[in-house]
Amino acid sequence: MSETPVLFTPFACRGVAFRNRIILSPMCQYVAQDGHVTDWHRAHHARLALGGVGGALVEATGVTADGRITPGCLGIWSDDHVAGLSTITRLYHDHGAAVGIQLAHAGRKASAEVPWDGAQPIDPADPRAWQTVAPSALPFLDGWPTPHALSEDEIAGVIDAFAAAAQRAVAAGFDFVEVHGAHGYLIHSFVSPLSNQRSDSWGGDEAGRFRLPLEIVRRLRAELPEGMPIFYRLSLFDGVDGGLTVDDMVRLAAALRAAGVDVVDCSSGGVRGSSGVADAAPSPGYLVPHAARIRAEGGVASMAVGLIVTPEIAEQAIASGSADLVAIGRELLADSNFAYRAAAELGMERPNAVFPRNYAFFLERRRYR
């Protein structure tokens, strides 16, 4: 009997059991209506729920209406959003996968057109536009609108919004939540010295710049069920001179663990439109070694992401101890049965076992017909 690939061993996190280490990465779909789930979301997630992933993360979901990236992004700022989101959690639960939601605020990168319309800021004169916010009144890029610098009372309101959104995630049936602290969005913009030029207790030195994510996580940990894991997505580096480095993020990861984070999702870039190419040119598995540092030096479970495009890269990330989970996006879009392909290519004796039983039954019939 062949040995089970490490990629297909279970992973337990608080009260949640992931049947394998493959997680659907959160990917914006830009087709929500006033933040609500549409038929597109249900179709998108249905095919991925059938594919045998261990878990899934629903896309960046605005904790406030002005926290959306675009008018087409999902929302969780209202109790009215819970029913639609519940249809997504049921899809994954029906097919044996854990499911989480990425709680997000886009900050100064909000109020943008959807990608197929250019992804540029919506003209402020357009009735669809809204005022963006940030730690400091610094535009994301030249030509982008100047954001409103949040007051201390408004920062408290942001923390409240994340807490209320997390409670709605519980009501919708999610198994875990992920705080989006990467890609130049609001939380990341507080952490990076490139975008945070405040002189109060929410900026300045590292302790001040780390304060917002830590306050949000502590609040969520205090209010969420004990068995519900908290993931946190961070950008490992800004990839811009004077920006955040992996050393900085190791320290943040350790502080997040102490505050209540269970898994750190290791991404990169975004604070100034960067992809991190200054520190590591994107190539298959290029962020895995950095996820290993977060895990080893930050003392917290890590999830590797970043062009994990083959079963071998995914297996090596787990088998080497670099990461506890792997987040896969584009490859799962291209092949929603990636988990089956990985099991077969890695020599799993019964690769169809990664599927829900009814789906595996029909695949077996087709195979031997």
Protein backbone atom coordinates (compact mmCIF):
# COMPACT_ATOMS: atom_id res chain seq x y z
CA MET A 1 0.00 0.00 0.00
CA SER A 2 1.42 3.38 -0.99
CA GLU A 3 2.03 5.97 1.71
CA THR A 4 -0.46 8.84 1.81
CA PRO A 5 1.11 12.08 0.53
CA VAL A 6 1.51 14.61 3.33
CA LEU A 7 -0.66 17.00 1.28
CA PHE A 8 -3.58 14.64 1.92
CA THR A 9 -3.18 14.26 5.66
CA PRO A 10 -5.73 16.04 7.89
CA PHE A 11 -4.99 19.33 9.65
CA ALA A 12 -6.75 20.24 12.88
CA CYS A 13 -7.06 23.88 13.96
CA ARG A 14 -9.02 24.66 17.12
CA GLY A 15 -12.41 23.04 16.51
CA VAL A 16 -12.07 22.69 12.73
CA ALA A 17 -10.78 19.63 10.86
CA PHE A 18 -9.43 20.13 7.34
CA ARG A 19 -9.48 16.81 5.48
CA ASN A 20 -6.36 17.76 3.52
CA ARG A 21 -3.97 20.70 3.24
CA ILE A 22 -5.33 22.25 0.01
CA ILE A 23 -7.21 25.51 0.55
CA LEU A 24 -9.03 27.49 -2.12
CA SER A 25 -7.43 30.93 -2.07
CA PRO A 26 -9.83 33.91 -1.77
CA MET A 27 -10.40 35.37 -5.25
CA CYS A 28 -12.57 38.40 -5.92
CA GLN A 29 -15.35 37.74 -8.45
CA TYR A 30 -16.67 41.34 -8.81
CA VAL A 31 -20.25 40.27 -9.53
CA ALA A 32 -22.05 40.99 -6.25
CA GLN A 33 -25.11 43.23 -6.19
CA ASP A 34 -24.95 45.75 -3.34
CA GLY A 35 -22.68 43.28 -1.59
CA HIS A 36 -25.07 40.34 -2.02
CA VAL A 37 -24.24 36.85 -3.29
CA THR A 38 -25.51 36.19 -6.83
CA ASP A 39 -26.04 33.06 -8.94
CA TRP A 40 -22.48 33.49 -10.22
CA HIS A 41 -21.04 32.97 -6.73
CA ARG A 42 -23.13 29.85 -6.19
CA ALA A 43 -22.04 28.35 -9.52
CA HIS A 44 -18.40 29.33 -8.96
CA HIS A 45 -18.23 27.76 -5.52
CA ALA A 46 -20.31 24.70 -6.40
CA ARG A 47 -17.76 23.41 -8.89
CA LEU A 48 -14.91 24.09 -6.48
CA ALA A 49 -16.74 22.46 -3.55
CA LEU A 50 -16.99 19.27 -5.63
CA GLY A 51 -13.26 19.19 -6.31
CA GLY A 52 -12.01 17.74 -3.04
CA VAL A 53 -10.30 20.74 -1.43
CA GLY A 54 -9.69 20.59 2.30
CA GLY A 55 -11.04 24.07 2.79
CA ALA A 56 -12.03 27.23 0.98
CA LEU A 57 -11.85 30.96 1.58
CA VAL A 58 -14.57 33.18 0.17
CA GLU A 59 -13.26 36.35 -1.46
CA ALA A 60 -12.38 39.65 0.24
CA THR A 61 -15.71 40.75 1.70
CA GLY A 62 -16.30 44.33 2.79
CA VAL A 63 -16.94 44.86 6.49
CA THR A 64 -18.38 48.24 5.50
CA ALA A 65 -19.89 49.45 2.23
CA ASP A 66 -16.94 51.80 1.68
CA GLY A 67 -14.57 48.94 2.46
CA ARG A 68 -15.27 47.22 -0.85
CA ILE A 69 -12.65 47.39 -3.59
CA THR A 70 -15.31 47.85 -6.27
CA PRO A 71 -19.11 48.14 -6.42
CA GLY A 72 -19.10 44.47 -7.49
CA CYS A 73 -17.43 43.12 -4.34
CA LEU A 74 -19.18 41.03 -1.71
CA GLY A 75 -20.26 42.61 1.56
CA ILE A 76 -20.90 41.54 5.12
CA TRP A 77 -21.76 44.93 6.61
CA SER A 78 -25.46 44.10 6.94
CA ASP A 79 -27.47 41.27 8.45
CA ASP A 80 -29.20 41.12 5.06
CA HIS A 81 -26.02 39.59 3.59
CA VAL A 82 -26.12 36.55 5.86
CA ALA A 83 -28.73 34.55 3.93
CA GLY A 84 -26.82 34.66 0.65
CA LEU A 85 -23.51 33.80 2.29
CA SER A 86 -25.21 30.86 4.01
CA THR A 87 -25.88 29.31 0.59
CA ILE A 88 -22.11 29.24 0.01
CA THR A 89 -21.27 27.65 3.35
CA ARG A 90 -23.87 24.93 2.74
CA LEU A 91 -22.27 24.06 -0.59
CA TYR A 92 -18.91 23.34 1.02
CA HIS A 93 -20.34 21.59 4.06
CA ASP A 94 -22.47 19.34 1.85
CA HIS A 95 -19.28 18.15 0.16
CA GLY A 96 -17.04 17.77 3.19
CA ALA A 97 -14.93 20.94 3.07
CA ALA A 98 -14.38 23.56 5.76
CA VAL A 99 -15.10 27.11 4.61
CA GLY A 100 -13.97 30.52 5.78
CA ILE A 101 -14.49 34.11 4.72
CA GLN A 102 -11.92 36.85 4.24
CA LEU A 103 -13.01 39.96 6.15
CA ALA A 104 -11.64 43.05 4.42
CA HIS A 105 -11.53 46.80 4.14
CA ALA A 106 -9.94 48.14 0.96
CA GLY A 107 -8.95 51.52 2.43
CA ARG A 108 -7.40 53.88 -0.09
CA LYS A 109 -7.66 51.26 -2.87
CA ALA A 110 -11.47 51.26 -2.67
CA SER A 111 -14.01 52.91 -4.98
CA ALA A 112 -12.39 51.37 -8.07
CA GLU A 113 -13.84 50.06 -11.32
CA VAL A 114 -14.05 46.28 -11.75
CA PRO A 115 -11.01 44.84 -13.58
CA TRP A 116 -12.70 44.43 -16.97
CA ASP A 117 -13.54 48.14 -16.86
CA GLY A 118 -9.96 49.11 -16.06
CA ALA A 119 -9.60 48.75 -12.26
CA GLN A 120 -8.90 52.49 -11.98
CA PRO A 121 -10.51 54.83 -9.43
CA ILE A 122 -14.12 55.67 -10.18
CA ASP A 123 -14.47 59.32 -11.15
CA PRO A 124 -15.41 61.20 -7.93
CA ALA A 125 -18.25 62.85 -9.88
CA ASP A 126 -19.74 59.40 -10.63
CA PRO A 127 -22.63 58.62 -8.26
CA ARG A 128 -21.14 55.13 -7.73
CA ALA A 129 -17.97 56.60 -6.17
CA TRP A 130 -17.34 56.99 -2.46
CA GLN A 131 -14.74 58.62 -0.19
CA THR A 132 -11.77 56.38 0.51
CA VAL A 133 -10.02 56.24 3.89
CA ALA A 134 -6.51 55.51 5.12
CA PRO A 135 -4.20 56.08 8.08
CA SER A 136 -2.77 59.16 6.33
CA ALA A 137 -3.98 61.38 3.49
CA LEU A 138 -1.65 59.78 0.95
CA PRO A 139 -2.99 58.55 -2.43
CA PHE A 140 -2.28 54.95 -3.41
CA LEU A 141 -0.66 56.10 -6.68
CA ASP A 142 -0.24 59.36 -8.54
CA GLY A 143 -3.59 60.36 -10.01
CA TRP A 144 -5.59 58.40 -7.44
CA PRO A 145 -7.93 60.28 -5.06
CA THR A 146 -6.53 61.50 -1.76
CA PRO A 147 -8.04 59.39 1.02
CA HIS A 148 -9.52 60.77 4.21
CA ALA A 149 -7.19 60.21 7.18
CA LEU A 150 -9.16 58.33 9.81
CA SER A 151 -9.68 59.92 13.21
CA GLU A 152 -9.20 57.85 16.35
CA ASP A 153 -12.98 57.56 16.75
CA GLU A 154 -13.26 56.39 13.14
CA ILE A 155 -10.56 53.77 13.73
CA ALA A 156 -12.61 52.48 16.64
CA GLY A 157 -15.53 52.26 14.22
CA VAL A 158 -13.45 50.13 11.85
CA ILE A 159 -12.64 47.70 14.67
CA ASP A 160 -16.34 47.53 15.54
CA ALA A 161 -17.15 46.82 11.88
CA PHE A 162 -14.71 43.87 11.77
CA ALA A 163 -16.21 42.49 14.98
CA ALA A 164 -19.79 42.81 13.69
CA ALA A 165 -18.79 41.20 10.39
CA ALA A 166 -17.21 38.28 12.23
CA GLN A 167 -20.45 37.72 14.15
CA ARG A 168 -22.34 37.65 10.84
CA ALA A 169 -19.81 35.11 9.55
CA VAL A 170 -20.74 32.87 12.49
CA ALA A 171 -24.43 33.33 11.69
CA ALA A 172 -23.78 32.41 8.04
CA GLY A 173 -22.17 29.12 9.08
CA PHE A 174 -18.52 29.80 8.30
CA ASP A 175 -15.99 27.59 10.06
CA PHE A 176 -13.23 30.20 10.26
CA VAL A 177 -12.49 33.80 9.35
CA GLU A 178 -9.47 35.43 7.75
CA VAL A 179 -8.51 39.05 8.44
CA HIS A 180 -7.18 40.65 5.25
CA GLY A 181 -4.03 42.48 6.29
CA ALA A 182 -2.22 42.43 2.94
CA HIS A 183 -2.06 43.89 -0.57
CA GLY A 184 -2.10 47.58 0.37
CA TYR A 185 -5.63 47.52 1.76
CA LEU A 186 -6.58 49.34 4.95
CA ILE A 187 -4.90 47.18 7.59
CA HIS A 188 -1.72 46.77 5.55
CA SER A 189 -1.65 50.52 4.97
CA PHE A 190 -1.56 51.02 8.75
CA VAL A 191 1.30 48.52 9.13
CA SER A 192 3.56 49.86 6.35
CA PRO A 193 5.68 52.98 6.97
CA LEU A 194 5.19 53.86 3.29
CA SER A 195 1.51 54.59 3.85
CA ASN A 196 1.26 55.36 7.57
CA GLN A 197 2.76 58.71 8.52
CA ARG A 198 0.70 59.26 11.66
CA SER A 199 2.31 60.66 14.79
CA ASP A 200 -0.29 59.35 17.26
CA SER A 201 -0.55 55.91 18.87
CA TRP A 202 -1.81 54.40 15.58
CA GLY A 203 1.41 55.17 13.72
CA GLY A 204 5.02 56.15 14.13
CA ASP A 205 7.06 53.28 15.50
CA GLU A 206 6.43 49.61 14.87
CA ALA A 207 4.22 49.22 17.94
CA GLY A 208 1.95 52.00 16.70
CA ARG A 209 1.79 50.69 13.14
CA PHE A 210 1.05 47.14 14.33
CA ARG A 211 -1.70 48.34 16.68
CA LEU A 212 -4.69 48.14 14.30
CA PRO A 213 -4.29 44.50 13.22
CA LEU A 214 -3.60 43.44 16.80
CA GLU A 215 -6.62 45.31 18.16
CA ILE A 216 -8.86 43.74 15.49
CA VAL A 217 -7.57 40.23 16.19
CA ARG A 218 -7.91 40.60 19.97
CA ARG A 219 -11.48 41.82 19.53
CA LEU A 220 -12.36 38.90 17.24
CA ARG A 221 -10.72 36.35 19.51
CA ALA A 222 -12.70 37.67 22.48
CA GLU A 223 -16.04 37.55 20.66
CA LEU A 224 -15.81 34.51 18.36
CA PRO A 225 -16.45 30.95 19.53
CA GLU A 226 -13.36 29.37 21.08
CA GLY A 227 -13.34 26.64 18.44
CA MET A 228 -13.38 29.06 15.47
CA PRO A 229 -9.91 29.67 13.98
CA ILE A 230 -8.67 33.09 12.92
CA PHE A 231 -6.44 33.29 9.85
CA TYR A 232 -4.55 36.46 8.94
CA ARG A 233 -3.28 37.30 5.45
CA LEU A 234 -0.19 39.47 5.46
CA SER A 235 2.16 40.79 2.81
CA LEU A 236 5.58 39.34 3.56
CA PHE A 237 7.27 42.39 2.08
CA ASP A 238 6.35 45.60 0.31
CA GLY A 239 9.02 45.16 -2.37
CA VAL A 240 9.70 48.93 -2.25
CA ASP A 241 12.64 50.75 -0.66
CA GLY A 242 11.78 51.77 2.87
CA GLY A 243 8.87 49.35 3.04
CA LEU A 244 8.16 46.27 5.10
CA THR A 245 10.52 43.29 5.01
CA VAL A 246 10.17 39.64 5.96
CA ASP A 247 12.00 40.40 9.23
CA ASP A 248 9.24 42.90 10.10
CA MET A 249 6.56 40.37 9.27
CA VAL A 250 8.13 37.66 11.40
CA ARG A 251 7.73 40.03 14.36
CA LEU A 252 4.15 40.84 13.36
CA ALA A 253 3.35 37.13 12.99
CA ALA A 254 4.58 36.43 16.52
CA ALA A 255 2.48 39.30 17.87
CA LEU A 256 -0.56 38.08 15.92
CA ARG A 257 -0.14 34.59 17.37
CA ALA A 258 -0.09 36.04 20.88
CA ALA A 259 -3.24 38.04 20.06
CA GLY A 260 -5.12 34.95 18.88
CA VAL A 261 -4.26 34.23 15.24
CA ASP A 262 -4.03 30.53 14.42
CA VAL A 263 -2.73 30.56 10.82
CA VAL A 264 -0.78 33.24 8.93
CA ASP A 265 -1.52 33.33 5.18
CA CYS A 266 1.73 34.44 3.54
CA SER A 267 1.29 36.69 0.49
CA SER A 268 3.23 39.78 -0.68
CA GLY A 269 3.22 43.29 -2.10
CA GLY A 270 0.45 45.73 -2.92
CA VAL A 271 1.23 48.82 -0.89
CA ARG A 272 2.19 50.83 -3.97
CA GLY A 273 1.02 48.63 -6.77
CA SER A 274 4.07 46.44 -6.18
CA SER A 275 4.14 42.67 -6.50
CA GLY A 276 7.24 42.24 -4.41
CA VAL A 277 9.49 41.71 -7.42
CA ALA A 278 12.23 43.75 -5.79
CA ASP A 279 12.69 41.00 -3.18
CA ALA A 280 11.64 37.87 -5.06
CA ALA A 281 10.66 37.60 -8.70
CA PRO A 282 7.40 35.66 -8.96
CA SER A 283 8.05 32.05 -9.93
CA PRO A 284 6.42 28.76 -8.93
CA GLY A 285 6.48 28.46 -5.13
CA TYR A 286 8.52 31.66 -4.69
CA LEU A 287 6.95 32.60 -1.35
CA VAL A 288 7.27 29.17 0.29
CA PRO A 289 10.69 29.85 1.89
CA HIS A 290 9.28 33.00 3.49
CA ALA A 291 6.27 31.08 4.80
CA ALA A 292 8.80 28.73 6.39
CA ARG A 293 10.33 31.67 8.28
CA ILE A 294 6.92 32.83 9.50
CA ARG A 295 6.23 29.31 10.77
CA ALA A 296 9.61 28.71 12.38
CA GLU A 297 10.45 32.16 13.74
CA GLY A 298 6.96 33.54 14.27
CA GLY A 299 5.87 30.38 16.05
CA VAL A 300 2.56 30.16 14.20
CA ALA A 301 1.08 27.83 11.59
CA SER A 302 1.58 29.16 8.07
CA MET A 303 -0.27 28.89 4.79
CA ALA A 304 1.87 29.21 1.67
CA VAL A 305 0.56 30.92 -1.45
CA GLY A 306 2.08 32.27 -4.66
CA LEU A 307 2.16 30.31 -7.92
CA ILE A 308 1.69 26.92 -6.31
CA VAL A 309 0.86 25.38 -9.66
CA THR A 310 1.91 21.73 -9.42
CA PRO A 311 1.19 18.91 -6.97
CA GLU A 312 4.91 18.54 -6.36
CA ILE A 313 5.30 22.16 -5.18
CA ALA A 314 2.30 21.79 -2.89
CA GLU A 315 3.52 18.49 -1.44
CA GLN A 316 7.04 19.80 -0.87
CA ALA A 317 5.76 22.91 0.91
CA ILE A 318 4.00 20.70 3.48
CA ALA A 319 6.50 17.82 3.62
CA SER A 320 9.45 20.17 4.18
CA GLY A 321 7.77 21.81 7.16
CA SER A 322 7.62 25.16 5.37
CA ALA A 323 3.85 25.43 5.70
CA ASP A 324 0.86 23.70 7.25
CA LEU A 325 -1.52 24.56 4.40
CA VAL A 326 -1.24 25.68 0.79
CA ALA A 327 -3.60 28.23 -0.76
CA ILE A 328 -4.24 27.72 -4.46
CA GLY A 329 -6.11 30.14 -6.69
CA ARG A 330 -5.50 30.27 -10.43
CA GLU A 331 -4.66 26.58 -10.70
CA LEU A 332 -8.00 25.66 -9.14
CA LEU A 333 -9.78 28.01 -11.53
CA ALA A 334 -8.07 26.23 -14.41
CA ASP A 335 -8.68 22.77 -12.96
CA SER A 336 -11.29 22.50 -10.22
CA ASN A 337 -10.25 18.84 -9.82
CA PHE A 338 -6.66 19.79 -8.93
CA ALA A 339 -6.93 17.79 -5.69
CA TYR A 340 -7.69 14.60 -7.63
CA ARG A 341 -4.85 15.27 -10.07
CA ALA A 342 -2.47 15.91 -7.18
CA ALA A 343 -3.50 12.70 -5.43
CA ALA A 344 -2.96 10.69 -8.61
CA GLU A 345 0.38 12.28 -9.52
CA LEU A 346 1.70 11.93 -5.97
CA GLY A 347 0.93 8.21 -5.97
CA MET A 348 -2.08 8.06 -3.68
CA GLU A 349 -3.53 4.55 -3.92
CA ARG A 350 -7.14 5.70 -4.30
CA PRO A 351 -7.07 9.28 -5.63
CA ASN A 352 -10.87 9.29 -6.05
CA ALA A 353 -11.09 9.24 -2.26
CA VAL A 354 -10.46 13.01 -2.26
CA PHE A 355 -13.93 13.54 -3.75
CA PRO A 356 -17.34 13.40 -2.10
CA ARG A 357 -18.60 9.81 -2.29
CA ASN A 358 -21.34 10.43 -4.84
CA TYR A 359 -18.98 12.31 -7.18
CA ALA A 360 -16.30 9.63 -6.85
CA PHE A 361 -18.86 6.94 -7.68
CA PHE A 362 -19.78 8.57 -10.98
CA LEU A 363 -16.13 9.17 -11.86
CA GLU A 364 -15.37 5.49 -11.27
CA ARG A 365 -18.27 4.45 -13.49
CA ARG A 366 -17.02 6.76 -16.22
CA ARG A 367 -13.46 5.48 -15.86
CA TYR A 368 -14.38 1.83 -16.36
CA ARG A 369 -17.15 2.27 -18.91
